[in-house]
Amino acid sequence: MSSSISIFFAGDFAPCRGYESLVLSKGPEIFGNLQKNIAGADLSFLNLETPLCIKGKSVEKTGPNLKAHPDCIKAVKGAGFEVVGLANNHIMDFGNEGFEETIRSCKSAGLTICGAGKNLTEAQQIPIIERRGLKIAYIAVAEHEFSIAGETIAGAAPLDPVDNTLQIESARNQADLVFVSIHGGNEYFSLPRPGLQKLCRYYITRGADAVICHH
């Protein structure tokens, strides 16, 4: 077992609108000088903040409906990311068709996904990856906006103190390191609000090694 390991976390990646053509043309180069950090880490995680789809119809919601071409996933894979979080408020912007196409895009690129699924049970599954003799668990969740999964509804795993505690405790029994990714809080603020900070610290007491927030 290794005495040290490097883990890289990236926040929201949304290669849409004016950025889509840049990502498609530049590929991994879009990450610039960060490429060496992404590829140099033992394991790298990114929150994919948009469906990657051609099909699908935009859903009714507050705020923009985001989407990008499925080939944008090549930049993510090429840069060295291995784990993609899908728990966010945009993953269902283009309904089930857009969601399913996104899943296929990620899996066809050989990426491990977490934080979303065809129902709540699947969305809350915890991938565990072994690296340098260590087992690393990822739990990705999102605050309740427009994309949360249900018993028979596809979507993102929810930010839920009870469910998340059970996830963390289960992961703690199986893995050496447990990371929680939370998509939520107040957009464009650099720190989580006091109540969310309190919840993050609680998750640490329940067994998470780190809680990473983004929005």
N, C-alpha and C. Protein backbone atom coordinates (compact mmCIF):
# COMPACT_ATOMS: atom_id res chain seq x y z
N MET A 1 0.83 -1.20 0.00
CA MET A 1 0.00 0.00 0.00
C MET A 1 0.87 1.25 0.00
N SER A 2 0.52 2.22 -0.85
CA SER A 2 1.29 3.45 -0.94
C SER A 2 1.05 4.34 0.27
N SER A 3 2.09 5.07 0.67
CA SER A 3 1.96 6.00 1.79
C SER A 3 1.44 7.35 1.35
N SER A 4 1.40 7.59 0.02
CA SER A 4 0.89 8.86 -0.49
C SER A 4 0.19 8.66 -1.82
N ILE A 5 -0.75 9.56 -2.11
CA ILE A 5 -1.50 9.49 -3.35
C ILE A 5 -1.95 10.90 -3.70
N SER A 6 -2.01 11.22 -4.98
CA SER A 6 -2.45 12.55 -5.41
C SER A 6 -3.81 12.45 -6.11
N ILE A 7 -4.74 13.26 -5.66
CA ILE A 7 -6.09 13.29 -6.21
C ILE A 7 -6.37 14.70 -6.73
N PHE A 8 -6.86 14.80 -7.97
CA PHE A 8 -7.16 16.10 -8.58
C PHE A 8 -8.68 16.24 -8.70
N PHE A 9 -9.20 17.38 -8.26
CA PHE A 9 -10.63 17.67 -8.37
C PHE A 9 -10.85 18.92 -9.22
N ALA A 10 -11.72 18.82 -10.21
CA ALA A 10 -12.11 19.98 -11.00
C ALA A 10 -13.60 20.24 -10.78
N GLY A 11 -13.96 21.51 -10.80
CA GLY A 11 -15.37 21.88 -10.61
C GLY A 11 -16.16 21.76 -11.90
N ASP A 12 -16.97 22.77 -12.18
CA ASP A 12 -17.93 22.68 -13.28
C ASP A 12 -17.27 22.82 -14.66
N PHE A 13 -17.48 21.82 -15.49
CA PHE A 13 -17.01 21.86 -16.87
C PHE A 13 -18.24 21.86 -17.77
N ALA A 14 -18.48 22.99 -18.45
CA ALA A 14 -19.65 23.14 -19.32
C ALA A 14 -19.20 23.61 -20.70
N PRO A 15 -18.84 22.69 -21.57
CA PRO A 15 -18.34 23.06 -22.90
C PRO A 15 -19.46 23.40 -23.87
N CYS A 16 -20.29 24.37 -23.49
CA CYS A 16 -21.46 24.70 -24.30
C CYS A 16 -21.37 26.11 -24.85
N ARG A 17 -22.36 26.45 -25.68
CA ARG A 17 -22.43 27.78 -26.29
C ARG A 17 -21.12 28.12 -27.01
N GLY A 18 -20.54 29.26 -26.73
CA GLY A 18 -19.35 29.67 -27.45
C GLY A 18 -18.13 28.83 -27.17
N TYR A 19 -18.17 28.05 -26.09
CA TYR A 19 -17.00 27.23 -25.73
C TYR A 19 -17.01 25.88 -26.44
N GLU A 20 -18.16 25.46 -26.93
CA GLU A 20 -18.26 24.13 -27.54
C GLU A 20 -17.28 23.96 -28.70
N SER A 21 -17.25 24.93 -29.62
CA SER A 21 -16.37 24.82 -30.79
C SER A 21 -14.91 24.80 -30.38
N LEU A 22 -14.56 25.54 -29.32
CA LEU A 22 -13.18 25.53 -28.84
C LEU A 22 -12.79 24.16 -28.30
N VAL A 23 -13.69 23.57 -27.52
CA VAL A 23 -13.41 22.25 -26.95
C VAL A 23 -13.30 21.20 -28.05
N LEU A 24 -14.19 21.27 -29.03
CA LEU A 24 -14.16 20.30 -30.12
C LEU A 24 -12.90 20.43 -30.98
N SER A 25 -12.43 21.65 -31.16
CA SER A 25 -11.26 21.85 -32.01
C SER A 25 -9.94 21.65 -31.27
N LYS A 26 -9.90 22.07 -30.02
CA LYS A 26 -8.64 21.99 -29.25
C LYS A 26 -8.50 20.69 -28.47
N GLY A 27 -9.59 20.04 -28.14
CA GLY A 27 -9.51 18.81 -27.37
C GLY A 27 -8.91 19.05 -25.99
N PRO A 28 -8.03 18.17 -25.53
CA PRO A 28 -7.45 18.31 -24.18
C PRO A 28 -6.68 19.62 -23.97
N GLU A 29 -6.25 20.24 -25.06
CA GLU A 29 -5.50 21.49 -24.94
C GLU A 29 -6.33 22.60 -24.31
N ILE A 30 -7.64 22.43 -24.30
CA ILE A 30 -8.52 23.44 -23.70
C ILE A 30 -8.20 23.65 -22.22
N PHE A 31 -7.59 22.64 -21.59
CA PHE A 31 -7.25 22.74 -20.16
C PHE A 31 -5.91 23.44 -19.92
N GLY A 32 -5.23 23.78 -20.99
CA GLY A 32 -4.01 24.57 -20.89
C GLY A 32 -2.96 23.95 -19.98
N ASN A 33 -2.37 24.80 -19.13
CA ASN A 33 -1.30 24.35 -18.24
C ASN A 33 -1.76 23.35 -17.19
N LEU A 34 -3.07 23.24 -17.01
CA LEU A 34 -3.60 22.29 -16.02
C LEU A 34 -3.43 20.84 -16.48
N GLN A 35 -3.19 20.63 -17.77
CA GLN A 35 -3.08 19.26 -18.27
C GLN A 35 -2.06 18.44 -17.50
N LYS A 36 -0.93 19.06 -17.17
CA LYS A 36 0.11 18.30 -16.46
C LYS A 36 -0.34 17.91 -15.06
N ASN A 37 -1.18 18.75 -14.43
CA ASN A 37 -1.69 18.43 -13.10
C ASN A 37 -2.76 17.34 -13.16
N ILE A 38 -3.61 17.43 -14.19
CA ILE A 38 -4.68 16.45 -14.35
C ILE A 38 -4.10 15.07 -14.63
N ALA A 39 -3.25 15.01 -15.65
CA ALA A 39 -2.67 13.74 -16.05
C ALA A 39 -1.65 13.23 -15.05
N GLY A 40 -1.02 14.14 -14.31
CA GLY A 40 0.01 13.74 -13.35
C GLY A 40 -0.53 13.21 -12.05
N ALA A 41 -1.81 13.46 -11.77
CA ALA A 41 -2.41 12.95 -10.54
C ALA A 41 -2.68 11.46 -10.65
N ASP A 42 -2.74 10.80 -9.53
CA ASP A 42 -3.06 9.37 -9.54
C ASP A 42 -4.51 9.13 -9.95
N LEU A 43 -5.37 10.11 -9.68
CA LEU A 43 -6.78 10.00 -10.03
C LEU A 43 -7.36 11.41 -10.14
N SER A 44 -8.10 11.66 -11.22
CA SER A 44 -8.64 13.00 -11.45
C SER A 44 -10.16 12.95 -11.65
N PHE A 45 -10.86 13.89 -11.02
CA PHE A 45 -12.33 13.96 -11.00
C PHE A 45 -12.79 15.29 -11.59
N LEU A 46 -13.89 15.24 -12.35
CA LEU A 46 -14.46 16.45 -12.93
C LEU A 46 -15.98 16.41 -12.84
N ASN A 47 -16.60 17.57 -12.54
CA ASN A 47 -18.06 17.67 -12.58
C ASN A 47 -18.49 18.11 -13.97
N LEU A 48 -19.20 17.25 -14.68
CA LEU A 48 -19.68 17.57 -16.02
C LEU A 48 -20.99 18.32 -15.89
N GLU A 49 -20.95 19.62 -16.16
CA GLU A 49 -22.06 20.52 -15.86
C GLU A 49 -23.02 20.72 -17.02
N THR A 50 -23.07 19.77 -17.93
CA THR A 50 -24.00 19.87 -19.05
C THR A 50 -24.22 18.50 -19.67
N PRO A 51 -25.42 18.23 -20.15
CA PRO A 51 -25.61 17.00 -20.92
C PRO A 51 -24.79 17.05 -22.20
N LEU A 52 -24.29 15.91 -22.62
CA LEU A 52 -23.59 15.79 -23.90
C LEU A 52 -24.51 15.03 -24.83
N CYS A 53 -25.25 15.76 -25.65
CA CYS A 53 -26.29 15.09 -26.43
C CYS A 53 -26.63 15.86 -27.69
N ILE A 54 -27.20 15.13 -28.64
CA ILE A 54 -27.76 15.71 -29.85
C ILE A 54 -29.28 15.59 -29.79
N LYS A 55 -29.74 14.48 -29.24
CA LYS A 55 -31.17 14.24 -29.11
C LYS A 55 -31.71 14.91 -27.85
N GLY A 56 -33.00 14.77 -27.66
CA GLY A 56 -33.61 15.28 -26.44
C GLY A 56 -34.28 16.63 -26.66
N LYS A 57 -35.30 16.89 -25.87
CA LYS A 57 -36.03 18.15 -25.91
C LYS A 57 -35.81 18.89 -24.62
N SER A 58 -35.56 20.19 -24.70
CA SER A 58 -35.29 20.98 -23.50
C SER A 58 -36.50 20.94 -22.55
N VAL A 59 -36.23 20.80 -21.27
CA VAL A 59 -37.29 20.73 -20.27
C VAL A 59 -37.62 22.14 -19.78
N GLU A 60 -38.81 22.29 -19.20
CA GLU A 60 -39.20 23.57 -18.63
C GLU A 60 -38.55 23.72 -17.25
N LYS A 61 -37.86 24.82 -17.05
CA LYS A 61 -37.16 25.05 -15.79
C LYS A 61 -36.80 26.52 -15.69
N THR A 62 -36.35 26.92 -14.52
CA THR A 62 -35.81 28.26 -14.34
C THR A 62 -34.34 28.24 -14.71
N GLY A 63 -33.89 29.23 -15.45
CA GLY A 63 -32.49 29.27 -15.85
C GLY A 63 -32.28 28.61 -17.19
N PRO A 64 -31.04 28.62 -17.69
CA PRO A 64 -30.75 28.11 -19.04
C PRO A 64 -30.75 26.60 -19.12
N ASN A 65 -31.06 26.09 -20.30
CA ASN A 65 -30.92 24.67 -20.60
C ASN A 65 -29.61 24.50 -21.36
N LEU A 66 -28.70 23.77 -20.76
CA LEU A 66 -27.38 23.59 -21.35
C LEU A 66 -27.26 22.25 -22.07
N LYS A 67 -26.47 22.23 -23.14
CA LYS A 67 -26.12 20.98 -23.81
C LYS A 67 -24.88 21.22 -24.64
N ALA A 68 -24.16 20.14 -24.92
CA ALA A 68 -22.96 20.21 -25.75
C ALA A 68 -22.85 18.93 -26.56
N HIS A 69 -22.06 18.97 -27.62
CA HIS A 69 -21.89 17.81 -28.49
C HIS A 69 -21.21 16.67 -27.74
N PRO A 70 -21.66 15.43 -27.93
CA PRO A 70 -21.06 14.28 -27.24
C PRO A 70 -19.54 14.16 -27.43
N ASP A 71 -19.02 14.64 -28.56
CA ASP A 71 -17.59 14.52 -28.80
C ASP A 71 -16.75 15.37 -27.84
N CYS A 72 -17.39 16.25 -27.10
CA CYS A 72 -16.66 17.06 -26.10
C CYS A 72 -16.04 16.17 -25.02
N ILE A 73 -16.58 14.97 -24.86
CA ILE A 73 -16.05 14.07 -23.84
C ILE A 73 -14.62 13.66 -24.16
N LYS A 74 -14.23 13.75 -25.43
CA LYS A 74 -12.87 13.37 -25.83
C LYS A 74 -11.84 14.28 -25.17
N ALA A 75 -12.19 15.55 -24.96
CA ALA A 75 -11.27 16.47 -24.29
C ALA A 75 -11.09 16.08 -22.83
N VAL A 76 -12.16 15.66 -22.20
CA VAL A 76 -12.11 15.23 -20.80
C VAL A 76 -11.24 13.99 -20.65
N LYS A 77 -11.50 13.00 -21.48
CA LYS A 77 -10.73 11.76 -21.43
C LYS A 77 -9.27 12.01 -21.81
N GLY A 78 -9.06 12.79 -22.86
CA GLY A 78 -7.71 13.04 -23.34
C GLY A 78 -6.86 13.80 -22.35
N ALA A 79 -7.49 14.63 -21.53
CA ALA A 79 -6.74 15.40 -20.53
C ALA A 79 -6.28 14.54 -19.38
N GLY A 80 -6.91 13.39 -19.18
CA GLY A 80 -6.50 12.50 -18.10
C GLY A 80 -7.51 12.29 -16.99
N PHE A 81 -8.70 12.86 -17.15
CA PHE A 81 -9.75 12.61 -16.14
C PHE A 81 -10.22 11.16 -16.24
N GLU A 82 -10.54 10.59 -15.09
CA GLU A 82 -11.03 9.21 -15.06
C GLU A 82 -12.42 9.09 -14.46
N VAL A 83 -12.76 10.03 -13.57
CA VAL A 83 -14.06 9.98 -12.89
C VAL A 83 -14.84 11.25 -13.22
N VAL A 84 -16.09 11.07 -13.66
CA VAL A 84 -16.94 12.20 -14.02
C VAL A 84 -18.18 12.20 -13.13
N GLY A 85 -18.37 13.30 -12.40
CA GLY A 85 -19.57 13.46 -11.59
C GLY A 85 -20.69 14.06 -12.42
N LEU A 86 -21.89 13.50 -12.28
CA LEU A 86 -23.04 13.98 -13.04
C LEU A 86 -24.13 14.54 -12.14
N ALA A 87 -23.84 14.68 -10.86
CA ALA A 87 -24.83 15.21 -9.92
C ALA A 87 -24.78 16.73 -9.96
N ASN A 88 -25.67 17.32 -10.73
CA ASN A 88 -25.76 18.78 -10.81
C ASN A 88 -27.14 19.17 -11.34
N ASN A 89 -27.40 20.47 -11.41
CA ASN A 89 -28.72 20.96 -11.77
C ASN A 89 -28.97 21.05 -13.28
N HIS A 90 -28.04 20.57 -14.09
CA HIS A 90 -28.23 20.63 -15.55
C HIS A 90 -28.29 19.26 -16.21
N ILE A 91 -28.00 18.20 -15.49
CA ILE A 91 -27.87 16.88 -16.11
C ILE A 91 -29.15 16.42 -16.81
N MET A 92 -30.33 16.94 -16.38
CA MET A 92 -31.60 16.53 -17.00
C MET A 92 -32.18 17.63 -17.88
N ASP A 93 -31.36 18.58 -18.30
CA ASP A 93 -31.86 19.72 -19.10
C ASP A 93 -32.53 19.32 -20.40
N PHE A 94 -32.13 18.16 -20.94
CA PHE A 94 -32.74 17.70 -22.18
C PHE A 94 -33.41 16.33 -22.00
N GLY A 95 -33.99 16.16 -20.83
CA GLY A 95 -34.81 15.00 -20.55
C GLY A 95 -34.06 13.68 -20.54
N ASN A 96 -34.84 12.61 -20.59
CA ASN A 96 -34.26 11.27 -20.51
C ASN A 96 -33.36 10.96 -21.71
N GLU A 97 -33.76 11.43 -22.88
CA GLU A 97 -32.94 11.16 -24.07
C GLU A 97 -31.57 11.80 -23.95
N GLY A 98 -31.55 13.05 -23.54
CA GLY A 98 -30.28 13.74 -23.36
C GLY A 98 -29.44 13.11 -22.27
N PHE A 99 -30.09 12.70 -21.20
CA PHE A 99 -29.40 12.06 -20.08
C PHE A 99 -28.77 10.74 -20.52
N GLU A 100 -29.55 9.91 -21.19
CA GLU A 100 -29.05 8.60 -21.61
C GLU A 100 -27.91 8.74 -22.61
N GLU A 101 -27.99 9.74 -23.49
CA GLU A 101 -26.91 9.96 -24.44
C GLU A 101 -25.63 10.40 -23.73
N THR A 102 -25.79 11.19 -22.68
CA THR A 102 -24.64 11.62 -21.87
C THR A 102 -23.96 10.42 -21.21
N ILE A 103 -24.76 9.54 -20.64
CA ILE A 103 -24.22 8.33 -20.00
C ILE A 103 -23.45 7.50 -21.02
N ARG A 104 -24.03 7.33 -22.19
CA ARG A 104 -23.36 6.54 -23.23
C ARG A 104 -22.05 7.19 -23.65
N SER A 105 -22.04 8.51 -23.76
CA SER A 105 -20.83 9.23 -24.17
C SER A 105 -19.71 9.01 -23.17
N CYS A 106 -20.05 9.11 -21.88
CA CYS A 106 -19.04 8.93 -20.83
C CYS A 106 -18.52 7.50 -20.81
N LYS A 107 -19.42 6.55 -20.88
CA LYS A 107 -19.02 5.16 -20.81
C LYS A 107 -18.23 4.73 -22.04
N SER A 108 -18.60 5.26 -23.21
CA SER A 108 -17.87 4.89 -24.42
C SER A 108 -16.45 5.43 -24.39
N ALA A 109 -16.23 6.49 -23.61
CA ALA A 109 -14.88 7.04 -23.46
C ALA A 109 -14.09 6.33 -22.37
N GLY A 110 -14.73 5.35 -21.71
CA GLY A 110 -14.05 4.60 -20.67
C GLY A 110 -13.98 5.32 -19.33
N LEU A 111 -14.88 6.29 -19.12
CA LEU A 111 -14.87 7.05 -17.88
C LEU A 111 -15.80 6.42 -16.84
N THR A 112 -15.43 6.55 -15.59
CA THR A 112 -16.29 6.12 -14.49
C THR A 112 -17.21 7.28 -14.13
N ILE A 113 -18.51 7.01 -14.04
CA ILE A 113 -19.47 8.07 -13.70
C ILE A 113 -20.01 7.85 -12.29
N CYS A 114 -20.44 8.93 -11.66
CA CYS A 114 -21.06 8.82 -10.35
C CYS A 114 -22.04 9.97 -10.15
N GLY A 115 -23.02 9.74 -9.29
CA GLY A 115 -23.95 10.81 -8.91
C GLY A 115 -25.18 10.94 -9.76
N ALA A 116 -25.44 10.01 -10.69
CA ALA A 116 -26.65 10.06 -11.50
C ALA A 116 -26.97 8.67 -12.02
N GLY A 117 -28.24 8.44 -12.31
CA GLY A 117 -28.65 7.14 -12.80
C GLY A 117 -30.08 7.14 -13.26
N LYS A 118 -30.55 5.99 -13.74
CA LYS A 118 -31.90 5.89 -14.28
C LYS A 118 -32.97 5.92 -13.19
N ASN A 119 -32.54 5.79 -11.93
CA ASN A 119 -33.43 5.92 -10.78
C ASN A 119 -32.57 6.28 -9.56
N LEU A 120 -33.22 6.51 -8.43
CA LEU A 120 -32.50 6.95 -7.24
C LEU A 120 -31.47 5.92 -6.77
N THR A 121 -31.83 4.65 -6.80
CA THR A 121 -30.91 3.61 -6.36
C THR A 121 -29.63 3.61 -7.19
N GLU A 122 -29.80 3.71 -8.50
CA GLU A 122 -28.63 3.72 -9.38
C GLU A 122 -27.82 5.01 -9.21
N ALA A 123 -28.52 6.14 -9.03
CA ALA A 123 -27.83 7.42 -8.87
C ALA A 123 -26.96 7.45 -7.61
N GLN A 124 -27.37 6.71 -6.59
CA GLN A 124 -26.64 6.72 -5.32
C GLN A 124 -25.57 5.63 -5.22
N GLN A 125 -25.36 4.89 -6.29
CA GLN A 125 -24.30 3.89 -6.26
C GLN A 125 -22.94 4.57 -6.12
N ILE A 126 -22.03 3.90 -5.44
CA ILE A 126 -20.73 4.50 -5.12
C ILE A 126 -19.62 3.76 -5.86
N PRO A 127 -19.01 4.40 -6.86
CA PRO A 127 -17.88 3.75 -7.52
C PRO A 127 -16.66 3.73 -6.61
N ILE A 128 -15.95 2.63 -6.61
CA ILE A 128 -14.72 2.50 -5.83
C ILE A 128 -13.60 2.10 -6.78
N ILE A 129 -12.57 2.91 -6.82
CA ILE A 129 -11.45 2.70 -7.73
C ILE A 129 -10.20 2.41 -6.92
N GLU A 130 -9.44 1.43 -7.34
CA GLU A 130 -8.21 1.09 -6.63
C GLU A 130 -7.02 1.73 -7.34
N ARG A 131 -6.20 2.38 -6.55
CA ARG A 131 -5.02 3.05 -7.09
C ARG A 131 -3.93 3.06 -6.04
N ARG A 132 -2.74 2.65 -6.41
CA ARG A 132 -1.59 2.58 -5.50
C ARG A 132 -1.91 1.76 -4.23
N GLY A 133 -2.68 0.73 -4.41
CA GLY A 133 -3.03 -0.14 -3.29
C GLY A 133 -4.11 0.41 -2.39
N LEU A 134 -4.70 1.56 -2.75
CA LEU A 134 -5.76 2.18 -1.96
C LEU A 134 -7.09 2.10 -2.70
N LYS A 135 -8.16 1.89 -1.96
CA LYS A 135 -9.50 1.92 -2.54
C LYS A 135 -10.11 3.29 -2.28
N ILE A 136 -10.55 3.95 -3.36
CA ILE A 136 -11.03 5.32 -3.29
C ILE A 136 -12.49 5.36 -3.72
N ALA A 137 -13.35 5.89 -2.84
CA ALA A 137 -14.79 5.97 -3.10
C ALA A 137 -15.20 7.40 -3.40
N TYR A 138 -16.08 7.55 -4.40
CA TYR A 138 -16.61 8.86 -4.78
C TYR A 138 -18.12 8.88 -4.56
N ILE A 139 -18.59 9.90 -3.85
CA ILE A 139 -20.02 10.12 -3.67
C ILE A 139 -20.33 11.51 -4.22
N ALA A 140 -21.16 11.59 -5.25
CA ALA A 140 -21.51 12.88 -5.85
C ALA A 140 -23.00 13.14 -5.64
N VAL A 141 -23.33 14.33 -5.14
CA VAL A 141 -24.72 14.69 -4.86
C VAL A 141 -24.97 16.13 -5.29
N ALA A 142 -26.26 16.47 -5.44
CA ALA A 142 -26.63 17.82 -5.84
C ALA A 142 -27.80 18.31 -5.00
N GLU A 143 -27.82 19.62 -4.76
CA GLU A 143 -28.98 20.21 -4.09
C GLU A 143 -30.22 20.06 -4.98
N HIS A 144 -31.38 20.10 -4.35
CA HIS A 144 -32.63 19.89 -5.07
C HIS A 144 -32.97 21.09 -5.93
N GLU A 145 -32.84 20.92 -7.25
CA GLU A 145 -33.24 21.97 -8.19
C GLU A 145 -34.16 21.36 -9.24
N PHE A 146 -33.60 20.97 -10.37
CA PHE A 146 -34.45 20.48 -11.46
C PHE A 146 -34.03 19.12 -11.98
N SER A 147 -33.23 18.41 -11.24
CA SER A 147 -32.62 17.22 -11.85
C SER A 147 -32.57 16.01 -10.93
N ILE A 148 -33.22 16.06 -9.77
CA ILE A 148 -33.05 15.00 -8.78
C ILE A 148 -33.78 13.71 -9.18
N ALA A 149 -33.09 12.60 -8.99
CA ALA A 149 -33.65 11.29 -9.31
C ALA A 149 -34.71 10.89 -8.29
N GLY A 150 -35.63 10.01 -8.72
CA GLY A 150 -36.64 9.45 -7.84
C GLY A 150 -36.64 7.94 -7.95
N GLU A 151 -37.58 7.30 -7.29
CA GLU A 151 -37.62 5.84 -7.31
C GLU A 151 -37.73 5.29 -8.73
N THR A 152 -38.45 5.98 -9.59
CA THR A 152 -38.60 5.53 -10.97
C THR A 152 -38.24 6.65 -11.95
N ILE A 153 -37.51 7.65 -11.48
CA ILE A 153 -37.18 8.82 -12.30
C ILE A 153 -35.67 8.97 -12.40
N ALA A 154 -35.17 9.16 -13.61
CA ALA A 154 -33.73 9.36 -13.82
C ALA A 154 -33.31 10.74 -13.32
N GLY A 155 -32.03 10.84 -12.94
CA GLY A 155 -31.53 12.13 -12.52
C GLY A 155 -30.34 12.02 -11.58
N ALA A 156 -30.12 13.11 -10.85
CA ALA A 156 -28.95 13.23 -9.98
C ALA A 156 -29.24 12.72 -8.57
N ALA A 157 -28.21 12.24 -7.92
CA ALA A 157 -28.32 11.85 -6.51
C ALA A 157 -28.49 13.11 -5.66
N PRO A 158 -29.40 13.09 -4.69
CA PRO A 158 -29.71 14.31 -3.95
C PRO A 158 -28.77 14.56 -2.77
N LEU A 159 -28.64 15.85 -2.45
CA LEU A 159 -28.01 16.25 -1.19
C LEU A 159 -29.05 16.01 -0.11
N ASP A 160 -28.87 14.96 0.66
CA ASP A 160 -29.83 14.55 1.68
C ASP A 160 -29.05 14.05 2.89
N PRO A 161 -29.12 14.73 4.04
CA PRO A 161 -28.30 14.36 5.20
C PRO A 161 -28.42 12.90 5.62
N VAL A 162 -29.63 12.34 5.56
CA VAL A 162 -29.82 10.96 5.97
C VAL A 162 -29.23 10.00 4.95
N ASP A 163 -29.65 10.15 3.69
CA ASP A 163 -29.15 9.26 2.64
C ASP A 163 -27.63 9.38 2.48
N ASN A 164 -27.13 10.60 2.53
CA ASN A 164 -25.69 10.80 2.34
C ASN A 164 -24.89 10.20 3.49
N THR A 165 -25.41 10.28 4.71
CA THR A 165 -24.73 9.66 5.84
C THR A 165 -24.63 8.15 5.64
N LEU A 166 -25.72 7.55 5.18
CA LEU A 166 -25.70 6.10 4.92
C LEU A 166 -24.72 5.76 3.81
N GLN A 167 -24.64 6.61 2.78
CA GLN A 167 -23.68 6.40 1.70
C GLN A 167 -22.24 6.47 2.22
N ILE A 168 -21.97 7.48 3.02
CA ILE A 168 -20.62 7.67 3.55
C ILE A 168 -20.22 6.50 4.44
N GLU A 169 -21.12 6.08 5.31
CA GLU A 169 -20.82 4.96 6.21
C GLU A 169 -20.60 3.67 5.42
N SER A 170 -21.39 3.46 4.37
CA SER A 170 -21.22 2.27 3.53
C SER A 170 -19.87 2.32 2.82
N ALA A 171 -19.53 3.49 2.28
CA ALA A 171 -18.26 3.64 1.57
C ALA A 171 -17.08 3.47 2.52
N ARG A 172 -17.23 3.97 3.74
CA ARG A 172 -16.16 3.89 4.73
C ARG A 172 -15.82 2.44 5.05
N ASN A 173 -16.82 1.57 4.98
CA ASN A 173 -16.60 0.15 5.26
C ASN A 173 -15.93 -0.59 4.10
N GLN A 174 -15.90 0.05 2.93
CA GLN A 174 -15.36 -0.62 1.74
C GLN A 174 -14.07 0.01 1.22
N ALA A 175 -13.85 1.29 1.54
CA ALA A 175 -12.75 2.02 0.92
C ALA A 175 -11.80 2.62 1.94
N ASP A 176 -10.59 2.94 1.48
CA ASP A 176 -9.60 3.60 2.33
C ASP A 176 -9.80 5.10 2.37
N LEU A 177 -10.30 5.67 1.26
CA LEU A 177 -10.54 7.10 1.16
C LEU A 177 -11.94 7.33 0.62
N VAL A 178 -12.66 8.28 1.21
CA VAL A 178 -14.02 8.59 0.79
C VAL A 178 -14.12 10.08 0.51
N PHE A 179 -14.50 10.42 -0.72
CA PHE A 179 -14.66 11.82 -1.11
C PHE A 179 -16.11 12.10 -1.46
N VAL A 180 -16.61 13.23 -0.99
CA VAL A 180 -17.98 13.66 -1.28
C VAL A 180 -17.92 14.93 -2.13
N SER A 181 -18.59 14.89 -3.26
CA SER A 181 -18.69 16.04 -4.17
C SER A 181 -20.11 16.60 -4.07
N ILE A 182 -20.22 17.88 -3.70
CA ILE A 182 -21.53 18.52 -3.56
C ILE A 182 -21.68 19.63 -4.59
N HIS A 183 -22.72 19.53 -5.41
CA HIS A 183 -23.04 20.61 -6.33
C HIS A 183 -24.20 21.40 -5.70
N GLY A 184 -23.88 22.58 -5.21
CA GLY A 184 -24.92 23.36 -4.55
C GLY A 184 -24.36 24.63 -3.97
N GLY A 185 -25.10 25.21 -3.07
CA GLY A 185 -24.67 26.48 -2.50
C GLY A 185 -25.13 27.63 -3.37
N ASN A 186 -24.50 28.77 -3.19
CA ASN A 186 -24.88 29.97 -3.93
C ASN A 186 -23.90 30.21 -5.07
N GLU A 187 -24.43 30.24 -6.27
CA GLU A 187 -23.60 30.35 -7.47
C GLU A 187 -22.75 31.61 -7.44
N TYR A 188 -21.51 31.43 -7.88
CA TYR A 188 -20.51 32.51 -7.98
C TYR A 188 -19.94 32.97 -6.64
N PHE A 189 -20.38 32.39 -5.53
CA PHE A 189 -19.77 32.69 -4.23
C PHE A 189 -18.63 31.72 -4.02
N SER A 190 -17.52 32.20 -3.49
CA SER A 190 -16.32 31.36 -3.38
C SER A 190 -16.36 30.41 -2.19
N LEU A 191 -17.27 30.64 -1.26
CA LEU A 191 -17.38 29.78 -0.07
C LEU A 191 -18.82 29.31 0.11
N PRO A 192 -19.01 28.11 0.65
CA PRO A 192 -20.37 27.65 0.92
C PRO A 192 -21.00 28.47 2.04
N ARG A 193 -22.32 28.64 2.01
CA ARG A 193 -23.03 29.38 3.06
C ARG A 193 -22.89 28.64 4.39
N PRO A 194 -23.11 29.31 5.53
CA PRO A 194 -22.88 28.70 6.85
C PRO A 194 -23.57 27.36 7.04
N GLY A 195 -24.83 27.25 6.62
CA GLY A 195 -25.54 25.98 6.81
C GLY A 195 -24.93 24.84 6.02
N LEU A 196 -24.44 25.15 4.82
CA LEU A 196 -23.80 24.12 4.01
C LEU A 196 -22.44 23.76 4.58
N GLN A 197 -21.72 24.74 5.11
CA GLN A 197 -20.45 24.45 5.78
C GLN A 197 -20.67 23.48 6.94
N LYS A 198 -21.73 23.74 7.69
CA LYS A 198 -22.05 22.87 8.84
C LYS A 198 -22.31 21.43 8.38
N LEU A 199 -23.04 21.29 7.26
CA LEU A 199 -23.34 19.96 6.74
C LEU A 199 -22.07 19.28 6.24
N CYS A 200 -21.20 20.03 5.56
CA CYS A 200 -19.94 19.46 5.07
C CYS A 200 -19.10 18.94 6.23
N ARG A 201 -19.02 19.72 7.29
CA ARG A 201 -18.24 19.30 8.46
C ARG A 201 -18.86 18.07 9.13
N TYR A 202 -20.18 18.00 9.09
CA TYR A 202 -20.86 16.82 9.62
C TYR A 202 -20.48 15.59 8.82
N TYR A 203 -20.44 15.72 7.50
CA TYR A 203 -20.06 14.59 6.66
C TYR A 203 -18.64 14.11 6.98
N ILE A 204 -17.77 15.03 7.34
CA ILE A 204 -16.42 14.64 7.75
C ILE A 204 -16.47 13.78 9.02
N THR A 205 -17.32 14.17 9.97
CA THR A 205 -17.43 13.40 11.21
C THR A 205 -18.00 12.01 10.96
N ARG A 206 -18.76 11.85 9.87
CA ARG A 206 -19.37 10.55 9.57
C ARG A 206 -18.43 9.66 8.76
N GLY A 207 -17.28 10.19 8.33
CA GLY A 207 -16.31 9.32 7.65
C GLY A 207 -15.77 9.81 6.33
N ALA A 208 -16.24 10.95 5.85
CA ALA A 208 -15.67 11.49 4.60
C ALA A 208 -14.29 12.05 4.86
N ASP A 209 -13.37 11.81 3.94
CA ASP A 209 -12.02 12.37 4.08
C ASP A 209 -11.95 13.81 3.58
N ALA A 210 -12.82 14.15 2.64
CA ALA A 210 -12.89 15.53 2.15
C ALA A 210 -14.24 15.73 1.49
N VAL A 211 -14.75 16.95 1.57
CA VAL A 211 -15.99 17.32 0.89
C VAL A 211 -15.65 18.48 -0.05
N ILE A 212 -15.95 18.31 -1.31
CA ILE A 212 -15.61 19.32 -2.33
C ILE A 212 -16.92 19.91 -2.87
N CYS A 213 -17.04 21.25 -2.79
CA CYS A 213 -18.25 21.92 -3.26
C CYS A 213 -17.98 22.68 -4.56
N HIS A 214 -19.01 22.76 -5.40
CA HIS A 214 -18.91 23.52 -6.66
C HIS A 214 -20.30 23.91 -7.12
N HIS A 215 -20.38 25.00 -7.90
CA HIS A 215 -21.64 25.43 -8.49
C HIS A 215 -21.34 26.60 -9.42
